[in-house]
């Protein structure tokens, strides 16, 4: 007798949000702009020429939007000795082609091990570490704020997902301090009309997207379609329709807008370096079927920008494995899509 009213009550509470997120018709959004992330150390890990690959992304794929990490551990191997030549070269090549970059600053950066902290930081107190990290942010922003290829500054990368990588917890107050420092530097260097937005990347599926909302001009979120749950079990987010993300973005719009996709999966999910996984196993997990399914999904997200994740892997397949199919598929698909 009492079960029926309970079920009716649950239905009244649950059905509207379920319908909002999961009922609808997806459609292609032709105005979406596409970009990529390019990681020099990940390219080196795969055994490819990072500069040649970066130029191939720009000139063969025609990309004009690139997210570029600024790895603290590579830029400042010895304390106080700053080497920004790698980032300078990437930004200069983009500028030659009228391209734009989102440059990531801070300790958490795209690609494993997620936290890119120089060895000399070990042994420092928390205050000393934060002081050194803040100086790294100042070094990068101060050197490149006027560079014509800069589009946005991304402060940290998914800082709340501590179960990925070897990251130490970073205080939210300190991350806010980093964001404010980026703005302070630009206020000193640039007129208001030339200052760049500040963004941060978050998980598309495992977050509310509201973290640091008041400190950001926009936010990037990741979209993954096939992962390894518990390290070994292939898991597809088959139940999440493309419009889920745009509808979620509409809900958080009063606090932060706009939302874009900073990391859209276009390579295998792995728990160890891809070079240690047999090629056929990689392609069995994420092959041409997944590539085409994900591309069809990406153009139906309803987001104004989608940055693909995996360009280094496509180039590795093409140049080191004599498997150019995915690179060619991406090139063919991108020829009719916006990249600038």
Protein backbone atom coordinates (compact mmCIF):
# COMPACT_ATOMS: atom_id res chain seq x y z
CA UNK A 1 0.00 0.00 0.00
CA UNK A 2 2.81 2.43 0.77
CA UNK A 3 5.11 1.42 -2.09
CA UNK A 4 3.04 2.95 -4.89
CA UNK A 5 3.06 6.53 -3.52
CA UNK A 6 6.82 6.22 -2.98
CA UNK A 7 7.39 5.13 -6.58
CA UNK A 8 5.18 7.93 -7.86
CA UNK A 9 7.13 10.42 -5.75
CA UNK A 10 10.45 9.13 -7.08
CA UNK A 11 9.16 9.36 -10.64
CA UNK A 12 8.03 12.95 -10.12
CA UNK A 13 11.46 13.86 -8.75
CA UNK A 14 13.67 11.89 -11.16
CA UNK A 15 11.92 11.92 -14.51
CA UNK A 16 12.24 15.66 -15.30
CA UNK A 17 16.05 15.80 -14.88
CA UNK A 18 16.48 12.46 -16.65
CA UNK A 19 14.38 13.71 -19.55
CA UNK A 20 16.32 16.99 -19.62
CA UNK A 21 19.69 15.28 -19.95
CA UNK A 22 18.85 12.10 -21.85
CA UNK A 23 15.81 12.67 -24.10
CA UNK A 24 16.14 14.49 -27.38
CA UNK A 25 17.42 14.43 -30.93
CA UNK A 26 21.06 15.19 -31.70
CA UNK A 27 21.95 17.28 -34.72
CA UNK A 28 25.10 18.44 -36.47
CA UNK A 29 26.36 21.89 -35.44
CA UNK A 30 28.27 23.29 -38.44
CA UNK A 31 29.62 26.33 -36.55
CA UNK A 32 31.79 24.33 -34.14
CA UNK A 33 35.50 25.23 -34.36
CA UNK A 34 38.01 22.37 -33.96
CA UNK A 35 41.49 22.31 -32.49
CA UNK A 36 43.99 19.94 -30.86
CA UNK A 37 46.35 19.59 -27.94
CA UNK A 38 50.01 19.04 -28.79
CA UNK A 39 52.48 17.78 -26.16
CA UNK A 40 56.18 17.78 -27.01
CA UNK A 41 57.19 15.29 -24.26
CA UNK A 42 54.40 12.91 -25.27
CA UNK A 43 55.64 13.06 -28.86
CA UNK A 44 59.14 12.21 -27.61
CA UNK A 45 57.74 9.34 -25.54
CA UNK A 46 56.23 7.88 -28.72
CA UNK A 47 59.56 8.30 -30.51
CA UNK A 48 58.42 10.90 -33.03
CA UNK A 49 59.89 14.28 -33.91
CA UNK A 50 57.77 16.71 -31.90
CA UNK A 51 58.50 19.68 -34.13
CA UNK A 52 57.83 17.80 -37.34
CA UNK A 53 54.58 16.50 -35.89
CA UNK A 54 53.52 19.95 -34.75
CA UNK A 55 54.13 21.35 -38.22
CA UNK A 56 52.23 18.45 -39.79
CA UNK A 57 49.25 19.26 -37.56
CA UNK A 58 49.37 22.87 -38.74
CA UNK A 59 50.13 22.31 -42.42
CA UNK A 60 48.74 18.89 -43.32
CA UNK A 61 45.70 18.82 -41.03
CA UNK A 62 45.30 22.59 -41.29
CA UNK A 63 44.77 23.17 -37.57
CA UNK A 64 44.83 26.78 -36.39
CA UNK A 65 43.78 26.26 -32.76
CA UNK A 66 46.24 24.41 -30.49
CA UNK A 67 46.38 23.93 -26.74
CA UNK A 68 50.04 24.00 -25.70
CA UNK A 69 51.27 22.97 -22.24
CA UNK A 70 54.12 24.91 -20.62
CA UNK A 71 55.84 22.17 -18.65
CA UNK A 72 57.50 23.64 -15.58
CA UNK A 73 59.83 20.65 -15.22
CA UNK A 74 61.12 21.17 -18.79
CA UNK A 75 61.36 24.94 -18.63
CA UNK A 76 63.18 25.19 -15.31
CA UNK A 77 65.29 22.09 -14.80
CA UNK A 78 67.57 24.19 -12.58
CA UNK A 79 66.04 26.77 -10.32
CA UNK A 80 66.16 30.23 -11.82
CA UNK A 81 67.35 29.05 -15.26
CA UNK A 82 64.31 29.50 -17.50
CA UNK A 83 64.25 28.00 -21.00
CA UNK A 84 61.16 28.97 -23.01
CA UNK A 85 62.59 28.24 -26.47
CA UNK A 86 60.29 25.27 -27.09
CA UNK A 87 57.14 27.24 -26.33
CA UNK A 88 58.50 30.24 -28.24
CA UNK A 89 58.98 28.12 -31.36
CA UNK A 90 55.48 26.66 -31.20
CA UNK A 91 53.86 30.06 -30.74
CA UNK A 92 55.97 31.58 -33.51
CA UNK A 93 54.95 28.84 -35.95
CA UNK A 94 51.30 29.35 -35.05
CA UNK A 95 51.62 33.11 -35.50
CA UNK A 96 53.11 32.64 -38.99
CA UNK A 97 49.86 30.92 -39.94
CA UNK A 98 47.56 33.30 -38.04
CA UNK A 99 46.83 30.53 -35.55
CA UNK A 100 45.97 30.84 -31.87
CA UNK A 101 47.04 28.96 -28.73
CA UNK A 102 45.63 28.20 -25.34
CA UNK A 103 48.76 28.03 -23.18
CA UNK A 104 48.53 25.97 -19.99
CA UNK A 105 50.39 27.31 -16.95
CA UNK A 106 50.86 25.79 -13.52
CA UNK A 107 51.97 22.44 -12.10
CA UNK A 108 49.17 20.25 -13.44
CA UNK A 109 49.49 19.90 -17.19
CA UNK A 110 48.02 17.71 -19.95
CA UNK A 111 49.59 14.23 -20.27
CA UNK A 112 51.00 11.79 -17.78
CA UNK A 113 52.29 12.16 -15.11
CA UNK A 114 49.78 15.07 -14.93
CA UNK A 115 51.96 17.03 -12.47
CA UNK A 116 55.10 18.40 -14.12
CA UNK A 117 57.19 19.67 -11.23
CA UNK A 118 60.99 20.04 -11.37
CA UNK A 119 63.02 17.74 -9.16
CA UNK A 120 64.51 20.62 -7.19
CA UNK A 121 61.06 21.37 -5.75
CA UNK A 122 61.23 18.19 -3.66
CA UNK A 123 62.21 19.10 -0.13
CA UNK A 124 60.72 22.58 -0.26
CA UNK A 125 58.05 23.56 2.20
CA UNK A 126 54.54 24.14 0.91
CA UNK A 127 55.02 27.90 1.07
CA UNK A 128 58.35 27.68 -0.78
CA UNK A 129 56.87 25.41 -3.43
CA UNK A 130 53.90 27.68 -4.01
CA UNK A 131 56.22 30.69 -4.25
CA UNK A 132 58.34 28.92 -6.86
CA UNK A 133 55.28 27.75 -8.80
CA UNK A 134 53.82 31.24 -8.83
CA UNK A 135 57.11 32.55 -10.18
CA UNK A 136 56.92 30.00 -13.01
CA UNK A 137 53.46 31.31 -13.90
CA UNK A 138 54.82 34.88 -13.89
CA UNK A 139 57.73 33.84 -16.12
CA UNK A 140 55.49 32.29 -18.77
CA UNK A 141 52.75 34.89 -18.79
CA UNK A 142 55.19 37.79 -18.57
CA UNK A 143 57.22 36.55 -21.52
CA UNK A 144 54.33 35.74 -23.83
CA UNK A 145 51.40 38.01 -22.91
CA UNK A 146 52.10 40.17 -25.96
CA UNK A 147 52.66 37.27 -28.35
CA UNK A 148 50.19 37.44 -31.26
CA UNK A 149 49.40 33.70 -31.05
CA UNK A 150 48.06 33.81 -27.49
CA UNK A 151 44.30 33.26 -27.31
CA UNK A 152 43.74 32.23 -23.67
CA UNK A 153 45.60 31.19 -20.54
CA UNK A 154 44.58 27.90 -18.98
CA UNK A 155 45.52 27.80 -15.28
CA UNK A 156 46.18 24.19 -14.20
CA UNK A 157 44.64 21.11 -15.82
CA UNK A 158 41.82 19.27 -14.07
CA UNK A 159 43.29 20.17 -10.65
CA UNK A 160 40.49 18.49 -8.71
CA UNK A 161 41.00 14.99 -10.19
CA UNK A 162 43.70 13.85 -7.82
CA UNK A 163 43.20 10.17 -8.62
CA UNK A 164 44.89 10.79 -11.99
CA UNK A 165 48.67 11.12 -12.02
CA UNK A 166 51.15 11.64 -9.20
CA UNK A 167 49.77 15.00 -8.13
CA UNK A 168 49.96 16.46 -4.68
CA UNK A 169 46.90 18.31 -3.49
CA UNK A 170 46.94 21.99 -4.40
CA UNK A 171 45.02 24.42 -2.22
CA UNK A 172 42.01 25.93 -4.03
CA UNK A 173 43.03 29.29 -2.58
CA UNK A 174 46.43 28.98 -4.24
CA UNK A 175 44.92 28.06 -7.62
CA UNK A 176 42.78 31.19 -7.33
CA UNK A 177 45.94 33.11 -6.56
CA UNK A 178 47.50 31.79 -9.78
CA UNK A 179 44.49 32.97 -11.78
CA UNK A 180 44.66 36.41 -10.22
CA UNK A 181 48.39 36.59 -10.89
CA UNK A 182 47.79 35.94 -14.60
CA UNK A 183 45.32 38.82 -14.64
CA UNK A 184 47.63 41.10 -12.64
CA UNK A 185 50.48 40.57 -15.10
CA UNK A 186 48.27 41.30 -18.08
CA UNK A 187 46.84 44.38 -16.36
CA UNK A 188 50.38 45.71 -16.06
CA UNK A 189 51.36 44.84 -19.64
CA UNK A 190 48.28 45.19 -21.83
CA UNK A 191 45.38 47.58 -22.38
CA UNK A 192 42.05 46.12 -21.31
CA UNK A 193 40.89 45.32 -24.84
CA UNK A 194 43.99 43.15 -25.47
CA UNK A 195 43.91 41.05 -22.30
CA UNK A 196 43.29 37.33 -22.67
CA UNK A 197 40.59 35.18 -21.05
CA UNK A 198 41.51 32.85 -18.19
CA UNK A 199 40.22 29.29 -18.40
CA UNK A 200 40.63 25.97 -16.58
CA UNK A 201 39.97 22.37 -17.65
CA UNK A 202 37.58 20.08 -15.81
CA UNK A 203 36.12 16.60 -16.24
CA UNK A 204 33.08 16.47 -18.48
CA UNK A 205 31.57 13.43 -16.80
CA UNK A 206 32.92 13.53 -13.22
CA UNK A 207 32.37 17.15 -12.22
CA UNK A 208 29.64 19.75 -11.77
CA UNK A 209 31.82 22.27 -13.71
CA UNK A 210 31.19 24.87 -11.01
CA UNK A 211 34.65 24.77 -9.41
CA UNK A 212 36.39 28.18 -9.60
CA UNK A 213 33.45 29.51 -11.60
CA UNK A 214 33.74 33.04 -10.23
CA UNK A 215 37.43 33.28 -11.14
CA UNK A 216 37.11 32.12 -14.76
CA UNK A 217 36.11 33.72 -18.04
CA UNK A 218 35.32 30.34 -19.59
CA UNK A 219 35.93 26.66 -18.85
CA UNK A 220 37.07 23.66 -20.86
CA UNK A 221 35.72 20.17 -20.14
CA UNK A 222 36.88 16.75 -21.26
CA UNK A 223 34.72 14.27 -23.18
CA UNK A 224 35.66 10.58 -23.09
CA UNK A 225 33.63 7.88 -24.79
CA UNK A 226 35.58 4.69 -23.98
CA UNK A 227 37.80 4.17 -20.94
CA UNK A 228 39.18 1.42 -18.73
CA UNK A 229 37.17 1.19 -15.53
CA UNK A 230 39.13 -0.12 -12.54
CA UNK A 231 42.19 -0.27 -14.80
CA UNK A 232 41.14 -3.27 -16.90
CA UNK A 233 37.44 -3.20 -17.78
CA UNK A 234 36.53 -1.44 -21.06
CA UNK A 235 33.66 0.93 -20.35
CA UNK A 236 31.70 2.98 -22.88
CA UNK A 237 29.67 6.03 -21.97
CA UNK A 238 27.03 4.73 -24.36
CA UNK A 239 24.18 6.22 -22.31
CA UNK A 240 25.36 9.85 -22.59
CA UNK A 241 23.93 11.55 -25.69
CA UNK A 242 25.87 14.38 -27.38
CA UNK A 243 23.42 17.05 -26.25
CA UNK A 244 24.04 16.10 -22.58
CA UNK A 245 27.05 18.43 -22.45
CA UNK A 246 25.33 21.44 -24.02
CA UNK A 247 22.36 21.04 -21.69
CA UNK A 248 24.67 20.76 -18.70
CA UNK A 249 26.44 23.91 -19.94
CA UNK A 250 23.09 25.70 -20.06
CA UNK A 251 22.50 24.86 -16.40
CA UNK A 252 25.81 26.37 -15.26
CA UNK A 253 25.57 29.41 -17.55
CA UNK A 254 24.44 31.73 -14.72
CA UNK A 255 27.80 31.11 -13.02
CA UNK A 256 30.20 30.56 -15.92
CA UNK A 257 30.01 30.84 -19.69
CA UNK A 258 30.82 29.70 -22.24
CA UNK A 259 31.79 26.05 -21.82
CA UNK A 260 33.92 24.41 -24.52
CA UNK A 261 35.49 20.96 -24.97
CA UNK A 262 39.19 21.13 -24.15
CA UNK A 263 39.90 17.41 -24.48
CA UNK A 264 37.86 15.17 -26.76
CA UNK A 265 39.06 11.56 -26.83
CA UNK A 266 40.60 10.46 -30.12
CA UNK A 267 43.11 7.87 -28.92
CA UNK A 268 43.07 4.72 -26.75
CA UNK A 269 42.70 5.01 -23.00
CA UNK A 270 45.69 3.26 -21.45
CA UNK A 271 47.07 2.56 -17.99
CA UNK A 272 50.64 2.26 -19.26
CA UNK A 273 52.63 3.94 -22.06
CA UNK A 274 51.20 3.19 -25.50
CA UNK A 275 54.65 2.20 -26.73
CA UNK A 276 54.42 -0.79 -24.35
CA UNK A 277 51.04 -1.92 -25.70
CA UNK A 278 50.95 -4.04 -28.90
CA UNK A 279 49.68 -2.02 -31.84
CA UNK A 280 46.83 -4.37 -32.64
CA UNK A 281 45.67 -4.18 -29.03
CA UNK A 282 45.62 -0.39 -29.25
CA UNK A 283 43.60 -0.44 -32.45
CA UNK A 284 41.24 -3.07 -31.08
CA UNK A 285 40.42 -0.70 -28.23
CA UNK A 286 40.29 2.46 -30.35
CA UNK A 287 40.36 1.88 -34.08
CA UNK A 288 38.66 3.30 -37.14
CA UNK A 289 35.21 2.39 -35.85
CA UNK A 290 35.74 4.47 -32.69
CA UNK A 291 37.33 7.29 -34.70
CA UNK A 292 34.28 7.62 -36.96
CA UNK A 293 31.81 7.21 -34.11
CA UNK A 294 33.59 9.87 -32.06
CA UNK A 295 33.78 12.32 -34.96
CA UNK A 296 30.05 11.94 -35.53
CA UNK A 297 29.53 12.50 -31.81
CA UNK A 298 31.83 15.55 -31.67
CA UNK A 299 29.94 17.46 -34.35
CA UNK A 300 26.70 16.92 -32.46
CA UNK A 301 27.89 18.22 -29.08
CA UNK A 302 26.53 21.70 -29.68
CA UNK A 303 29.70 23.31 -28.31
CA UNK A 304 31.33 26.32 -29.96
CA UNK A 305 34.80 24.73 -29.72
CA UNK A 306 36.08 21.14 -29.55
CA UNK A 307 39.79 20.34 -29.12
CA UNK A 308 40.79 16.81 -30.05
CA UNK A 309 43.07 14.68 -27.87
CA UNK A 310 45.46 12.27 -29.57
CA UNK A 311 47.15 14.08 -32.48
CA UNK A 312 50.57 12.77 -31.42
CA UNK A 313 49.22 9.20 -31.62
CA UNK A 314 47.74 9.73 -35.10
CA UNK A 315 51.13 11.05 -36.29
CA UNK A 316 52.98 8.15 -34.63
CA UNK A 317 50.73 5.65 -36.38
CA UNK A 318 51.38 7.36 -39.70
CA UNK A 319 55.13 7.86 -39.46
CA UNK A 320 56.37 5.04 -37.23
CA UNK A 321 53.84 2.23 -37.72
CA UNK A 322 52.96 2.66 -41.41
CA UNK A 323 49.31 2.97 -40.41
CA UNK A 324 48.20 6.33 -41.84
CA UNK A 325 44.48 5.51 -41.89
CA UNK A 326 43.47 7.50 -38.82
CA UNK A 327 45.58 10.51 -39.83
CA UNK A 328 44.02 10.43 -43.28
CA UNK A 329 40.53 10.07 -41.83
CA UNK A 330 41.09 13.09 -39.58
CA UNK A 331 42.43 15.09 -42.51
CA UNK A 332 39.50 14.18 -44.74
CA UNK A 333 36.98 15.00 -42.01
CA UNK A 334 38.62 18.28 -41.03
CA UNK A 335 38.76 19.54 -44.62
CA UNK A 336 35.07 20.46 -44.39
CA UNK A 337 35.08 21.71 -40.78
CA UNK A 338 36.12 24.98 -39.16
CA UNK A 339 39.62 25.16 -37.69
CA UNK A 340 40.00 28.92 -37.39
